[in-house]
Amino acid sequence: MAESLLLNYIGGEWVEGTSEITNINPSDLGDVIANHALADSNQAIQAIDAAHAALSSWKNTNPQTRFDILDNIGRIIITRQDELGEILAREEGKTLAEAKGEAFRAGQFFHF
């Protein structure tokens, strides 16, 4: 059972949405995975503006630093593939093996 509301991350801050939605396991309708804040169009624009502002810093980051950041993200995802796979299986109703494989592949995308 979900215990709290998961907020949106906009411009470096966790913010409440204008409404919320409950994510339920499609394989077990009694399994509430999480409650998520939903953004309205104004918050979506704020998120787009924040991403655009962050792009300036990111594009001025040297390639080795960018590589290190992305490689670390991939390493963390692959290290946590079992945990992430279990969450994904609940969210999507996938088999556990398929969900863990998808988590692993997601981590591989960050390695180049």
C-alpha atoms as a PDB file:
ATOM      1  CA  MET A   1       0.000   0.000   0.000  1.00  0.00           C
ATOM      2  CA  ALA A   2       1.340   3.420  -0.920  1.00  0.00           C
ATOM      3  CA  GLU A   3       1.941   5.587   2.114  1.00  0.00           C
ATOM      4  CA  SER A   4       2.688   9.029   0.733  1.00  0.00           C
ATOM      5  CA  LEU A   5       2.383  11.286  -2.266  1.00  0.00           C
ATOM      6  CA  LEU A   6       5.324  11.311  -4.682  1.00  0.00           C
ATOM      7  CA  LEU A   7       6.001  14.890  -5.728  1.00  0.00           C
ATOM      8  CA  ASN A   8       7.232  16.396  -8.995  1.00  0.00           C
ATOM      9  CA  TYR A   9      10.836  17.594  -9.277  1.00  0.00           C
ATOM     10  CA  ILE A  10      10.891  20.973 -11.013  1.00  0.00           C
ATOM     11  CA  GLY A  11      13.822  23.361 -11.058  1.00  0.00           C
ATOM     12  CA  GLY A  12      15.697  21.578  -8.277  1.00  0.00           C
ATOM     13  CA  GLU A  13      12.731  21.434  -5.883  1.00  0.00           C
ATOM     14  CA  TRP A  14      10.092  18.872  -5.000  1.00  0.00           C
ATOM     15  CA  VAL A  15       6.676  20.414  -5.654  1.00  0.00           C
ATOM     16  CA  GLU A  16       3.103  19.284  -5.207  1.00  0.00           C
ATOM     17  CA  GLY A  17       0.928  18.956  -8.263  1.00  0.00           C
ATOM     18  CA  THR A  18      -2.487  20.425  -8.815  1.00  0.00           C
ATOM     19  CA  SER A  19      -4.041  16.977  -8.423  1.00  0.00           C
ATOM     20  CA  GLU A  20      -2.894  13.414  -7.899  1.00  0.00           C
ATOM     21  CA  ILE A  21      -3.264   9.952  -9.356  1.00  0.00           C
ATOM     22  CA  THR A  22      -2.962   6.510  -7.806  1.00  0.00           C
ATOM     23  CA  ASN A  23      -0.817   3.919  -9.595  1.00  0.00           C
ATOM     24  CA  ILE A  24      -2.272   0.429  -9.150  1.00  0.00           C
ATOM     25  CA  ASN A  25      -0.652  -2.891 -10.053  1.00  0.00           C
ATOM     26  CA  PRO A  26      -2.569  -4.129 -13.130  1.00  0.00           C
ATOM     27  CA  SER A  27      -1.951  -7.740 -12.053  1.00  0.00           C
ATOM     28  CA  ASP A  28      -3.270  -7.146  -8.512  1.00  0.00           C
ATOM     29  CA  LEU A  29      -5.828  -4.351  -8.272  1.00  0.00           C
ATOM     30  CA  GLY A  30      -5.514  -4.374  -4.485  1.00  0.00           C
ATOM     31  CA  ASP A  31      -1.828  -3.419  -4.716  1.00  0.00           C
ATOM     32  CA  VAL A  32      -1.448   0.359  -4.630  1.00  0.00           C
ATOM     33  CA  ILE A  33       2.067   1.115  -5.827  1.00  0.00           C
ATOM     34  CA  ALA A  34       2.168   4.864  -5.262  1.00  0.00           C
ATOM     35  CA  ASN A  35       0.247   8.109  -5.323  1.00  0.00           C
ATOM     36  CA  HIS A  36       1.739  10.626  -7.759  1.00  0.00           C
ATOM     37  CA  ALA A  37       1.350  14.378  -8.007  1.00  0.00           C
ATOM     38  CA  LEU A  38      -0.016  15.479 -11.379  1.00  0.00           C
ATOM     39  CA  ALA A  39       1.215  18.706 -12.908  1.00  0.00           C
ATOM     40  CA  ASP A  40      -1.000  21.160 -14.717  1.00  0.00           C
ATOM     41  CA  SER A  41       0.041  22.999 -17.874  1.00  0.00           C
ATOM     42  CA  ASN A  42       1.672  25.823 -15.879  1.00  0.00           C
ATOM     43  CA  GLN A  43       3.859  23.365 -13.963  1.00  0.00           C
ATOM     44  CA  ALA A  44       4.713  21.587 -17.211  1.00  0.00           C
ATOM     45  CA  ILE A  45       5.899  24.912 -18.639  1.00  0.00           C
ATOM     46  CA  GLN A  46       7.929  25.542 -15.453  1.00  0.00           C
ATOM     47  CA  ALA A  47       9.554  22.114 -15.848  1.00  0.00           C
ATOM     48  CA  ILE A  48      10.364  22.798 -19.510  1.00  0.00           C
ATOM     49  CA  ASP A  49      11.826  26.193 -18.610  1.00  0.00           C
ATOM     50  CA  ALA A  50      13.921  24.632 -15.818  1.00  0.00           C
ATOM     51  CA  ALA A  51      15.215  21.951 -18.195  1.00  0.00           C
ATOM     52  CA  HIS A  52      16.085  24.600 -20.769  1.00  0.00           C
ATOM     53  CA  ALA A  53      17.973  26.605 -18.121  1.00  0.00           C
ATOM     54  CA  ALA A  54      19.877  23.477 -17.028  1.00  0.00           C
ATOM     55  CA  LEU A  55      20.888  22.790 -20.619  1.00  0.00           C
ATOM     56  CA  SER A  56      23.253  25.783 -20.598  1.00  0.00           C
ATOM     57  CA  SER A  57      25.242  24.307 -17.742  1.00  0.00           C
ATOM     58  CA  TRP A  58      25.155  20.774 -19.178  1.00  0.00           C
ATOM     59  CA  LYS A  59      26.305  21.766 -22.668  1.00  0.00           C
ATOM     60  CA  ASN A  60      29.252  23.641 -21.153  1.00  0.00           C
ATOM     61  CA  THR A  61      30.314  20.595 -19.133  1.00  0.00           C
ATOM     62  CA  ASN A  62      33.397  18.918 -20.569  1.00  0.00           C
ATOM     63  CA  PRO A  63      32.850  15.596 -22.346  1.00  0.00           C
ATOM     64  CA  GLN A  64      34.745  13.521 -19.779  1.00  0.00           C
ATOM     65  CA  THR A  65      32.597  14.857 -16.935  1.00  0.00           C
ATOM     66  CA  ARG A  66      29.435  14.160 -18.933  1.00  0.00           C
ATOM     67  CA  PHE A  67      30.689  10.650 -19.664  1.00  0.00           C
ATOM     68  CA  ASP A  68      31.439  10.069 -15.971  1.00  0.00           C
ATOM     69  CA  ILE A  69      27.975  11.272 -14.912  1.00  0.00           C
ATOM     70  CA  LEU A  70      26.122   9.152 -17.471  1.00  0.00           C
ATOM     71  CA  ASP A  71      28.330   6.120 -16.839  1.00  0.00           C
ATOM     72  CA  ASN A  72      27.628   6.402 -13.108  1.00  0.00           C
ATOM     73  CA  ILE A  73      23.880   6.597 -13.744  1.00  0.00           C
ATOM     74  CA  GLY A  74      24.093   3.416 -15.811  1.00  0.00           C
ATOM     75  CA  ARG A  75      26.163   1.674 -13.140  1.00  0.00           C
ATOM     76  CA  ILE A  76      23.630   2.576 -10.428  1.00  0.00           C
ATOM     77  CA  ILE A  77      20.685   1.360 -12.513  1.00  0.00           C
ATOM     78  CA  ILE A  78      22.427  -1.940 -13.297  1.00  0.00           C
ATOM     79  CA  THR A  79      23.435  -2.381  -9.640  1.00  0.00           C
ATOM     80  CA  ARG A  80      19.799  -1.852  -8.621  1.00  0.00           C
ATOM     81  CA  GLN A  81      18.269  -3.870 -11.478  1.00  0.00           C
ATOM     82  CA  ASP A  82      16.613  -6.399  -9.152  1.00  0.00           C
ATOM     83  CA  GLU A  83      14.950  -3.686  -7.065  1.00  0.00           C
ATOM     84  CA  LEU A  84      13.960  -1.658 -10.126  1.00  0.00           C
ATOM     85  CA  GLY A  85      12.726  -4.794 -11.878  1.00  0.00           C
ATOM     86  CA  GLU A  86      10.424  -5.628  -8.981  1.00  0.00           C
ATOM     87  CA  ILE A  87       8.950  -2.117  -9.067  1.00  0.00           C
ATOM     88  CA  LEU A  88       8.551  -2.255 -12.845  1.00  0.00           C
ATOM     89  CA  ALA A  89       6.853  -5.657 -12.665  1.00  0.00           C
ATOM     90  CA  ARG A  90       4.313  -4.224 -10.217  1.00  0.00           C
ATOM     91  CA  GLU A  91       3.764  -1.050 -12.238  1.00  0.00           C
ATOM     92  CA  GLU A  92       3.387  -2.715 -15.634  1.00  0.00           C
ATOM     93  CA  GLY A  93       2.179  -6.219 -14.810  1.00  0.00           C
ATOM     94  CA  LYS A  94       5.244  -7.703 -16.537  1.00  0.00           C
ATOM     95  CA  THR A  95       6.907 -10.935 -15.544  1.00  0.00           C
ATOM     96  CA  LEU A  96       9.704 -10.404 -13.060  1.00  0.00           C
ATOM     97  CA  ALA A  97      12.326 -11.735 -15.489  1.00  0.00           C
ATOM     98  CA  GLU A  98      11.179  -9.367 -18.240  1.00  0.00           C
ATOM     99  CA  ALA A  99      11.091  -6.385 -15.875  1.00  0.00           C
ATOM    100  CA  LYS A 100      14.577  -7.082 -14.490  1.00  0.00           C
ATOM    101  CA  GLY A 101      15.888  -7.443 -18.036  1.00  0.00           C
ATOM    102  CA  GLU A 102      14.320  -4.122 -18.961  1.00  0.00           C
ATOM    103  CA  ALA A 103      15.955  -2.451 -15.958  1.00  0.00           C
ATOM    104  CA  PHE A 104      19.320  -3.890 -17.006  1.00  0.00           C
ATOM    105  CA  ARG A 105      18.870  -2.663 -20.585  1.00  0.00           C
ATOM    106  CA  ALA A 106      17.943   0.791 -19.285  1.00  0.00           C
ATOM    107  CA  GLY A 107      21.253   0.914 -17.427  1.00  0.00           C
ATOM    108  CA  GLN A 108      23.117  -0.115 -20.574  1.00  0.00           C
ATOM    109  CA  PHE A 109      21.738   2.901 -22.464  1.00  0.00           C
ATOM    110  CA  PHE A 110      23.878   5.161 -20.284  1.00  0.00           C
ATOM    111  CA  HIS A 111      27.115   3.356 -21.195  1.00  0.00           C
ATOM    112  CA  PHE A 112      28.733   4.510 -24.412  1.00  0.00           C
END
